[in-house]
Amino acid sequence: MRTRRLGWAGLEIEADGERLVIDYVRDLSPLFTGWRSGDRLPAPSGTAGAALVTHLHRDHTDAAALAGVLEPGAPVLRPAPGHGDDVDNVTTLQAERELALHRLAAEVVDPWSAREIGPFLVTAIPAVDGLGDPQLNWVVQADGQRIFHGGDTMFHGYWWLIARRFSPFDAVFLPANGAVVDAPHLQPPSPLPAAMDPRQSAAAAEILDARYAVPMHYEAEQPDKIAGYVEVADPEKEFRAHAGQRAHVLAVGEWLDLSA
């Protein structure tokens, strides 16, 4: 099995000539104020037999991008819709509308549920979203290797349960930008990170016993975000300092061959 970083939290996974994608997006304009139509993130190297979605924030679920890369009828495995009214769900409504518009084969899955898709065994994992929306993380197994994708989860108490069931991991992909969010519908705001910061991600990687710990959920080349979204200054540098020898920084578009 090998994996390729597609930018932000996007990941391509390939095994036995088949592939799936996780949190694959092409358009980040809902988050990046300076994003232009030509600022496209890398596309997968071929069509995908499935897509896994950690949550329905628009920087993690891009239905147009998925429609352009998925095989006909390919499943899009996703968490449950948000609870409450449109104010509670304001950060997920756009992605929900786009999934319906593109008529993707979206399926709601429960935490700890597993499914075989071609050569892959995928398991939905509990996660804690920094804005209170439903979120899953994912474990993907193929070719005797195992990876973890952490969406933009906060640090939580499920790490030890995940480790007992699945560790060691060949690679874990973890958010590391430590975003502090001040959103109009979340008042008063919290001064604490809504996604793991480099130190928290390094701690999670140690608990999960990762051979490679790969930071994600940051874009060094796109510094301008919407108001009220503040990241740590240098996620890569801080992650290397905290994760030590486990740290394996991947450039956008770069492959990591887990069979090596």
Protein backbone atom coordinates (compact mmCIF):
# COMPACT_ATOMS: atom_id res chain seq x y z
CA MET A 1 0.00 0.00 0.00
CA ARG A 2 1.15 3.51 -0.73
CA THR A 3 -0.33 6.91 0.07
CA ARG A 4 -0.09 10.38 -1.46
CA ARG A 5 -0.78 13.70 0.19
CA LEU A 6 -3.25 15.74 -1.88
CA GLY A 7 -3.06 18.96 0.13
CA TRP A 8 -4.86 20.28 3.22
CA ALA A 9 -6.33 17.02 4.63
CA GLY A 10 -6.66 15.16 1.33
CA LEU A 11 -5.14 11.71 0.91
CA GLU A 12 -4.95 9.18 -1.92
CA ILE A 13 -4.42 5.52 -1.01
CA GLU A 14 -3.45 2.87 -3.55
CA ALA A 15 -3.24 -0.92 -3.26
CA ASP A 16 -3.38 -3.70 -5.87
CA GLY A 17 -4.02 -1.18 -8.63
CA GLU A 18 -7.10 0.27 -6.91
CA ARG A 19 -7.47 3.51 -4.95
CA LEU A 20 -9.64 5.43 -2.58
CA VAL A 21 -9.51 9.03 -1.37
CA ILE A 22 -10.06 10.66 2.00
CA ASP A 23 -11.16 14.30 2.44
CA TYR A 24 -10.29 15.04 -1.18
CA VAL A 25 -10.96 18.67 -2.12
CA ARG A 26 -9.96 20.87 -5.05
CA ASP A 27 -11.56 24.18 -4.10
CA LEU A 28 -10.67 25.73 -0.73
CA SER A 29 -12.16 29.16 -1.36
CA PRO A 30 -14.69 28.79 1.50
CA LEU A 31 -11.72 28.87 3.92
CA PHE A 32 -8.88 30.61 2.07
CA THR A 33 -9.77 34.22 1.31
CA GLY A 34 -7.08 34.55 -1.37
CA TRP A 35 -7.94 31.31 -3.18
CA ARG A 36 -8.23 31.72 -6.95
CA SER A 37 -9.98 29.50 -9.47
CA GLY A 38 -6.59 28.36 -10.74
CA ASP A 39 -5.32 27.34 -7.30
CA ARG A 40 -6.11 23.66 -7.70
CA LEU A 41 -4.81 20.99 -5.40
CA PRO A 42 -3.40 17.81 -6.98
CA ALA A 43 -5.86 15.30 -8.40
CA PRO A 44 -5.58 11.59 -7.64
CA SER A 45 -3.53 9.61 -10.11
CA GLY A 46 -6.62 7.79 -11.40
CA THR A 47 -10.27 7.12 -10.70
CA ALA A 48 -11.18 6.04 -7.18
CA GLY A 49 -13.45 3.21 -6.09
CA ALA A 50 -14.58 4.99 -2.92
CA ALA A 51 -14.30 8.20 -0.96
CA LEU A 52 -14.11 8.51 2.81
CA VAL A 53 -15.20 11.78 4.42
CA THR A 54 -14.28 12.73 7.97
CA HIS A 55 -16.87 15.53 8.26
CA LEU A 56 -18.94 17.90 6.20
CA HIS A 57 -17.01 21.12 6.59
CA ARG A 58 -16.41 22.42 3.09
CA ASP A 59 -12.61 22.15 3.41
CA HIS A 60 -13.02 18.38 3.89
CA THR A 61 -16.01 17.58 1.64
CA ASP A 62 -15.94 18.88 -1.94
CA ALA A 63 -18.71 17.09 -3.84
CA ALA A 64 -17.69 18.52 -7.22
CA ALA A 65 -14.16 17.22 -6.78
CA LEU A 66 -15.45 13.80 -5.73
CA ALA A 67 -17.84 13.63 -8.68
CA GLY A 68 -14.91 14.22 -11.00
CA VAL A 69 -12.74 11.40 -9.67
CA LEU A 70 -15.06 8.63 -8.43
CA GLU A 71 -16.08 5.63 -10.48
CA PRO A 72 -19.83 5.50 -11.26
CA GLY A 73 -21.76 4.45 -8.16
CA ALA A 74 -18.70 4.53 -5.92
CA PRO A 75 -19.65 4.92 -2.25
CA VAL A 76 -18.95 8.09 -0.29
CA LEU A 77 -18.80 7.03 3.35
CA ARG A 78 -19.61 9.88 5.71
CA PRO A 79 -20.70 10.70 9.28
CA ALA A 80 -24.28 11.46 10.27
CA PRO A 81 -25.89 14.83 9.53
CA GLY A 82 -25.58 17.51 12.16
CA HIS A 83 -28.10 17.85 14.96
CA GLY A 84 -30.36 20.82 15.51
CA ASP A 85 -31.44 23.65 13.22
CA ASP A 86 -29.77 25.54 10.39
CA VAL A 87 -27.88 27.77 12.83
CA ASP A 88 -26.37 24.74 14.55
CA ASN A 89 -25.48 23.22 11.18
CA VAL A 90 -24.32 26.33 9.35
CA THR A 91 -20.83 24.89 8.75
CA THR A 92 -22.15 21.68 7.14
CA LEU A 93 -25.08 22.91 5.04
CA GLN A 94 -23.05 23.81 1.93
CA ALA A 95 -21.45 20.38 1.68
CA GLU A 96 -24.80 18.67 2.34
CA ARG A 97 -26.39 20.60 -0.53
CA GLU A 98 -23.50 19.84 -2.87
CA LEU A 99 -23.57 16.10 -2.13
CA ALA A 100 -27.26 16.05 -3.05
CA LEU A 101 -26.70 18.20 -6.15
CA HIS A 102 -24.05 15.85 -7.54
CA ARG A 103 -26.09 12.76 -6.63
CA LEU A 104 -23.16 10.96 -5.08
CA ALA A 105 -23.73 7.58 -3.45
CA ALA A 106 -23.27 8.95 0.06
CA GLU A 107 -23.78 6.53 2.95
CA VAL A 108 -23.90 7.42 6.64
CA VAL A 109 -21.77 5.05 8.72
CA ASP A 110 -21.46 4.55 12.46
CA PRO A 111 -18.27 4.70 14.54
CA TRP A 112 -16.42 1.36 14.77
CA SER A 113 -18.23 0.00 11.68
CA ALA A 114 -16.03 -1.68 9.08
CA ARG A 115 -16.41 -2.36 5.37
CA GLU A 116 -14.43 -4.05 2.62
CA ILE A 117 -13.97 -2.02 -0.56
CA GLY A 118 -11.85 -3.83 -3.13
CA PRO A 119 -8.47 -4.58 -1.49
CA PHE A 120 -9.19 -2.16 1.38
CA LEU A 121 -10.73 -2.74 4.80
CA VAL A 122 -11.93 0.61 6.12
CA THR A 123 -13.12 1.28 9.65
CA ALA A 124 -14.88 4.42 10.87
CA ILE A 125 -13.32 5.70 14.09
CA PRO A 126 -14.73 8.06 16.74
CA ALA A 127 -13.45 11.63 16.62
CA VAL A 128 -14.28 14.94 18.29
CA ASP A 129 -14.97 17.94 16.07
CA GLY A 130 -13.80 21.32 17.26
CA LEU A 131 -17.05 23.02 16.20
CA GLY A 132 -19.35 20.34 17.56
CA ASP A 133 -20.30 18.81 14.22
CA PRO A 134 -20.34 15.02 13.65
CA GLN A 135 -16.90 13.70 12.66
CA LEU A 136 -15.31 10.35 11.97
CA ASN A 137 -11.70 9.40 11.52
CA TRP A 138 -10.64 6.44 9.39
CA VAL A 139 -8.43 3.37 9.61
CA VAL A 140 -7.54 1.84 6.25
CA GLN A 141 -5.87 -1.57 5.90
CA ALA A 142 -4.49 -3.28 2.78
CA ASP A 143 -1.48 -5.38 1.81
CA GLY A 144 -0.75 -6.07 5.47
CA GLN A 145 -0.29 -2.35 6.23
CA ARG A 146 -2.45 0.02 8.26
CA ILE A 147 -2.91 3.79 8.24
CA PHE A 148 -4.95 6.30 10.24
CA HIS A 149 -6.50 9.55 8.96
CA GLY A 150 -7.37 12.11 11.61
CA GLY A 151 -9.47 14.69 9.73
CA ASP A 152 -9.23 17.79 11.90
CA THR A 153 -10.11 16.15 15.18
CA MET A 154 -9.34 17.58 18.59
CA PHE A 155 -7.29 15.59 21.09
CA HIS A 156 -9.61 13.17 22.90
CA GLY A 157 -9.81 10.02 25.00
CA TYR A 158 -10.45 7.53 22.19
CA TRP A 159 -6.77 7.25 21.27
CA TRP A 160 -6.12 4.37 23.66
CA LEU A 161 -9.19 2.44 22.41
CA ILE A 162 -8.01 2.92 18.83
CA ALA A 163 -4.51 1.78 19.78
CA ARG A 164 -5.80 -1.36 21.50
CA ARG A 165 -7.78 -2.33 18.43
CA PHE A 166 -5.39 -1.39 15.64
CA SER A 167 -1.85 -0.40 16.66
CA PRO A 168 0.86 -0.42 15.53
CA PHE A 169 0.23 1.81 12.51
CA ASP A 170 2.48 2.06 9.51
CA ALA A 171 1.48 5.72 9.09
CA VAL A 172 -0.82 8.19 10.81
CA PHE A 173 -1.94 11.41 9.13
CA LEU A 174 -2.81 13.96 11.78
CA PRO A 175 -3.99 17.60 11.79
CA ALA A 176 -1.29 19.89 13.13
CA ASN A 177 -2.33 23.49 12.55
CA GLY A 178 -3.92 24.01 15.99
CA ALA A 179 -6.60 26.31 14.57
CA VAL A 180 -8.33 28.60 17.06
CA VAL A 181 -11.78 29.53 15.75
CA ASP A 182 -13.91 32.58 16.47
CA ALA A 183 -17.14 32.01 14.50
CA PRO A 184 -20.32 34.09 14.78
CA HIS A 185 -22.49 31.09 15.70
CA LEU A 186 -20.03 29.87 18.37
CA GLN A 187 -20.06 32.60 20.99
CA PRO A 188 -18.41 33.27 23.32
CA PRO A 189 -15.37 31.94 21.43
CA SER A 190 -12.87 29.47 22.83
CA PRO A 191 -9.18 30.41 23.00
CA LEU A 192 -8.27 26.70 22.72
CA PRO A 193 -7.44 24.85 19.49
CA ALA A 194 -10.39 23.42 17.56
CA ALA A 195 -8.01 20.99 15.80
CA MET A 196 -4.93 19.34 17.22
CA ASP A 197 -1.77 21.40 17.46
CA PRO A 198 1.67 19.89 16.74
CA ARG A 199 2.29 18.78 20.32
CA GLN A 200 -1.10 17.08 20.58
CA SER A 201 -0.64 15.37 17.22
CA ALA A 202 2.76 14.08 18.26
CA ALA A 203 1.24 12.68 21.47
CA ALA A 204 -1.49 10.93 19.48
CA ALA A 205 1.12 9.45 17.12
CA GLU A 206 3.02 8.02 20.08
CA ILE A 207 -0.11 6.47 21.59
CA LEU A 208 -0.99 4.94 18.22
CA ASP A 209 2.56 3.57 17.87
CA ALA A 210 3.08 5.03 14.40
CA ARG A 211 6.06 4.16 12.25
CA TYR A 212 5.51 7.37 10.28
CA ALA A 213 3.68 10.38 11.70
CA VAL A 214 2.65 12.75 8.92
CA PRO A 215 1.32 16.24 9.72
CA MET A 216 -1.51 17.61 7.59
CA HIS A 217 -4.35 20.14 7.66
CA TYR A 218 -2.15 23.11 6.85
CA GLU A 219 -1.18 24.89 3.62
CA ALA A 220 2.12 26.70 3.87
CA GLU A 221 1.60 28.36 0.48
CA GLN A 222 -1.87 29.73 1.32
CA PRO A 223 -1.55 31.86 4.45
CA ASP A 224 -4.73 33.97 4.14
CA LYS A 225 -7.73 32.40 5.86
CA ILE A 226 -11.18 33.70 6.71
CA ALA A 227 -11.47 36.01 9.72
CA GLY A 228 -11.57 34.23 13.03
CA TYR A 229 -9.36 31.29 11.95
CA VAL A 230 -5.88 31.47 13.47
CA GLU A 231 -3.25 28.71 13.11
CA VAL A 232 0.09 28.00 14.73
CA ALA A 233 2.88 29.81 12.92
CA ASP A 234 4.90 26.85 11.60
CA PRO A 235 3.11 23.47 11.94
CA GLU A 236 5.87 21.50 10.19
CA LYS A 237 8.71 22.81 12.35
CA GLU A 238 6.79 22.37 15.60
CA PHE A 239 5.61 18.89 14.63
CA ARG A 240 9.16 17.76 13.86
CA ALA A 241 10.28 19.07 17.25
CA HIS A 242 7.58 17.19 19.16
CA ALA A 243 7.32 13.98 17.09
CA GLY A 244 11.05 13.35 16.73
CA GLN A 245 12.03 10.35 14.63
CA ARG A 246 8.41 9.48 13.89
CA ALA A 247 7.92 12.76 12.03
CA HIS A 248 7.69 12.35 8.27
CA VAL A 249 6.69 15.54 6.49
CA LEU A 250 5.19 14.97 3.03
CA ALA A 251 5.07 17.69 0.43
CA VAL A 252 1.77 18.13 -1.37
CA GLY A 253 1.70 15.55 -4.16
CA GLU A 254 4.38 13.35 -2.60
CA TRP A 255 3.96 9.57 -2.20
CA LEU A 256 4.79 7.46 0.85
CA ASP A 257 5.37 3.77 0.01
CA LEU A 258 4.56 1.76 3.13
CA SER A 259 5.99 -1.45 1.71
CA ALA A 260 9.48 0.04 1.67
